[in-house]
Amino acid sequence: MMQLESLIRDVPDFPKPGIIFKDITPLLSDPSGLAMAVELMASPFRGKGIEAVCGAESRGFIFGTAIAQALSAGFVPIRKPNKLPSTTRSITYDLEYGTDTLEVHEDAVRPGQKVLMVDDLLATGGTMKACCDLIDQLGGQIVGVTVLIELGFLEGRKRVVPYDNVHAVMKW
């Protein structure tokens, strides 16, 4: 774990003063670190019948596609508005500093399909909750949530209830 932690760079005052941003780009550029991160994020969900992995734009795409491949599942992108070409379902949710909107194709997940939700970071939980709500609206069965980093002091895990199968590789 220390190897992975050493590949996460703290960037103070980004994107605004008082925030310490967890920069994963050094980890992404390290082949063994990236492979280890993907494996540690995917392994708790092996044998759980995952059929689709959902990841939010943009860092959720990085880990989501790799985890989908590792679990022999498909990947479902959850995107910012007006980026998907077919009929979409959207959700608007609150952020600390405003609101945001995410979209998914209406036919991206079948009712009852077993889904794993993925992102790089679980902070306040707003984005992950919105993603879970979208997949719920489509009838997907969320088996779990996996993230590389959880900022536990922000209590984002509480926002993704009832998805209590939340796995974080690293917790700060």
Protein backbone atom coordinates (compact mmCIF):
# COMPACT_ATOMS: atom_id res chain seq x y z
CA MET A 1 0.00 0.00 0.00
CA MET A 2 2.85 2.36 0.75
CA GLN A 3 4.03 1.95 -2.85
CA LEU A 4 0.67 3.23 -4.09
CA GLU A 5 0.49 6.02 -1.53
CA SER A 6 3.93 7.21 -2.62
CA LEU A 7 2.53 7.64 -6.15
CA ILE A 8 -0.22 10.05 -5.04
CA ARG A 9 0.87 13.67 -5.09
CA ASP A 10 -0.75 16.30 -2.84
CA VAL A 11 -1.35 19.61 -4.59
CA PRO A 12 -2.28 22.36 -2.13
CA ASP A 13 -4.90 24.99 -2.96
CA PHE A 14 -6.23 23.21 -6.04
CA PRO A 15 -8.84 23.72 -7.45
CA LYS A 16 -9.41 26.43 -4.84
CA PRO A 17 -7.70 27.70 -1.68
CA GLY A 18 -7.87 25.33 1.27
CA ILE A 19 -8.26 22.17 -0.82
CA ILE A 20 -5.48 19.59 -0.95
CA PHE A 21 -5.97 17.83 -4.28
CA LYS A 22 -4.97 14.16 -4.52
CA ASP A 23 -3.19 13.98 -7.89
CA ILE A 24 -3.19 10.43 -9.28
CA THR A 25 -1.24 11.20 -12.47
CA PRO A 26 2.07 9.89 -11.04
CA LEU A 27 0.31 6.59 -10.25
CA LEU A 28 -1.20 6.44 -13.74
CA SER A 29 2.22 6.85 -15.35
CA ASP A 30 3.76 4.05 -13.27
CA PRO A 31 3.00 0.67 -14.93
CA SER A 32 3.26 -1.44 -11.79
CA GLY A 33 1.40 1.12 -9.66
CA LEU A 34 -1.44 1.33 -12.17
CA ALA A 35 -1.69 -2.46 -12.45
CA MET A 36 -1.70 -2.83 -8.67
CA ALA A 37 -4.37 -0.14 -8.24
CA VAL A 38 -6.66 -1.76 -10.81
CA GLU A 39 -6.20 -5.20 -9.26
CA LEU A 40 -6.87 -3.95 -5.73
CA MET A 41 -9.99 -2.12 -6.90
CA ALA A 42 -11.32 -5.11 -8.88
CA SER A 43 -10.40 -8.09 -6.68
CA PRO A 44 -13.16 -7.77 -4.02
CA PHE A 45 -15.72 -8.08 -6.81
CA ARG A 46 -14.34 -11.14 -8.62
CA GLY A 47 -16.89 -13.93 -8.70
CA LYS A 48 -19.79 -11.55 -7.95
CA GLY A 49 -21.25 -11.80 -11.45
CA ILE A 50 -20.48 -8.21 -12.43
CA GLU A 51 -21.89 -7.61 -15.92
CA ALA A 52 -21.21 -3.88 -16.26
CA VAL A 53 -18.83 -1.39 -14.71
CA CYS A 54 -19.96 2.24 -14.58
CA GLY A 55 -17.55 5.14 -14.30
CA ALA A 56 -18.12 8.88 -14.26
CA GLU A 57 -16.26 11.32 -16.47
CA SER A 58 -13.36 11.58 -16.44
CA ARG A 59 -11.17 9.72 -13.97
CA GLY A 60 -13.86 7.07 -13.49
CA PHE A 61 -13.26 6.21 -17.16
CA ILE A 62 -9.58 5.51 -16.52
CA PHE A 63 -10.16 2.96 -13.78
CA GLY A 64 -13.57 1.81 -14.94
CA THR A 65 -12.47 0.47 -18.32
CA ALA A 66 -9.48 -1.33 -16.83
CA ILE A 67 -11.63 -2.86 -14.07
CA ALA A 68 -14.27 -3.87 -16.62
CA GLN A 69 -11.61 -5.69 -18.58
CA ALA A 70 -10.25 -7.34 -15.42
CA LEU A 71 -13.76 -8.57 -14.51
CA SER A 72 -14.74 -9.56 -18.08
CA ALA A 73 -17.56 -7.03 -17.97
CA GLY A 74 -18.72 -4.20 -20.18
CA PHE A 75 -18.11 -0.53 -19.43
CA VAL A 76 -20.80 2.15 -19.16
CA PRO A 77 -19.69 5.79 -19.32
CA ILE A 78 -21.53 8.37 -17.24
CA ARG A 79 -20.86 11.74 -18.84
CA LYS A 80 -21.33 15.46 -18.61
CA PRO A 81 -24.39 16.78 -20.52
CA ASN A 82 -24.54 16.65 -24.32
CA LYS A 83 -21.63 14.23 -24.75
CA LEU A 84 -23.60 11.04 -25.42
CA PRO A 85 -25.13 10.60 -28.90
CA SER A 86 -28.29 8.63 -28.11
CA THR A 87 -31.28 9.08 -25.78
CA THR A 88 -30.09 9.77 -22.24
CA ARG A 89 -31.28 9.87 -18.67
CA SER A 90 -29.89 12.76 -16.61
CA ILE A 91 -29.57 13.77 -13.01
CA THR A 92 -28.65 17.12 -11.46
CA TYR A 93 -27.08 17.07 -8.02
CA ASP A 94 -25.62 19.47 -5.48
CA LEU A 95 -21.92 20.17 -5.07
CA GLU A 96 -20.19 22.11 -2.32
CA TYR A 97 -20.02 25.09 -4.68
CA GLY A 98 -23.08 24.70 -6.94
CA THR A 99 -24.73 21.96 -8.99
CA ASP A 100 -23.66 19.55 -11.70
CA THR A 101 -25.43 17.24 -14.13
CA LEU A 102 -24.53 13.77 -15.37
CA GLU A 103 -26.05 11.63 -18.13
CA VAL A 104 -26.11 7.99 -19.17
CA HIS A 105 -27.64 6.30 -22.21
CA GLU A 106 -31.13 5.02 -21.36
CA ASP A 107 -30.25 1.58 -22.73
CA ALA A 108 -26.80 1.37 -21.09
CA VAL A 109 -27.92 -0.98 -18.31
CA ARG A 110 -30.61 -3.66 -18.44
CA PRO A 111 -33.03 -4.09 -15.54
CA GLY A 112 -31.49 -6.51 -13.05
CA GLN A 113 -28.03 -6.29 -14.59
CA LYS A 114 -25.28 -6.54 -11.95
CA VAL A 115 -23.29 -3.31 -11.89
CA LEU A 116 -20.10 -2.14 -10.18
CA MET A 117 -19.69 1.61 -9.70
CA VAL A 118 -16.13 3.00 -10.04
CA ASP A 119 -14.35 6.29 -9.45
CA ASP A 120 -10.90 7.41 -8.45
CA LEU A 121 -11.99 9.29 -5.34
CA LEU A 122 -14.84 9.26 -2.84
CA ALA A 123 -14.95 12.64 -1.11
CA THR A 124 -18.35 14.10 -0.17
CA GLY A 125 -20.11 11.35 -2.13
CA GLY A 126 -22.25 13.64 -4.28
CA THR A 127 -21.00 12.44 -7.65
CA MET A 128 -21.09 8.75 -6.69
CA LYS A 129 -24.60 9.06 -5.25
CA ALA A 130 -25.79 10.74 -8.45
CA CYS A 131 -24.22 7.96 -10.53
CA CYS A 132 -25.86 5.29 -8.35
CA ASP A 133 -29.21 7.06 -8.61
CA LEU A 134 -28.94 7.08 -12.42
CA ILE A 135 -28.21 3.35 -12.55
CA ASP A 136 -31.06 2.69 -10.10
CA GLN A 137 -33.42 4.59 -12.41
CA LEU A 138 -32.42 2.24 -15.24
CA GLY A 139 -33.10 -0.81 -13.05
CA GLY A 140 -29.50 -1.90 -12.61
CA GLN A 141 -28.56 -3.92 -9.54
CA ILE A 142 -25.62 -2.16 -7.89
CA VAL A 143 -23.38 -4.84 -6.40
CA GLY A 144 -20.84 -2.40 -4.99
CA VAL A 145 -18.77 0.73 -5.25
CA THR A 146 -15.00 0.70 -5.63
CA VAL A 147 -12.65 3.68 -5.44
CA LEU A 148 -8.92 4.16 -5.29
CA ILE A 149 -9.02 6.83 -2.55
CA GLU A 150 -11.57 7.64 0.13
CA LEU A 151 -11.34 10.89 2.06
CA GLY A 152 -13.04 9.48 5.16
CA PHE A 153 -13.19 12.77 7.03
CA LEU A 154 -15.70 14.04 4.42
CA GLU A 155 -18.01 11.09 5.16
CA GLY A 156 -18.97 10.50 1.53
CA ARG A 157 -19.62 6.83 2.29
CA LYS A 158 -22.77 7.89 4.18
CA ARG A 159 -24.20 9.45 1.00
CA VAL A 160 -23.99 6.25 -1.03
CA VAL A 161 -26.21 4.34 1.39
CA PRO A 162 -27.85 1.83 0.76
CA TYR A 163 -24.86 0.70 -1.32
CA ASP A 164 -23.00 -0.47 1.75
CA ASN A 165 -20.53 -2.57 -0.21
CA VAL A 166 -18.09 0.33 -0.62
CA HIS A 167 -14.44 -0.63 -1.15
CA ALA A 168 -11.59 1.90 -0.98
CA VAL A 169 -8.00 0.89 -1.66
CA MET A 170 -6.60 3.85 0.29
CA LYS A 171 -8.25 5.90 3.02
CA TRP A 172 -7.21 9.32 4.26
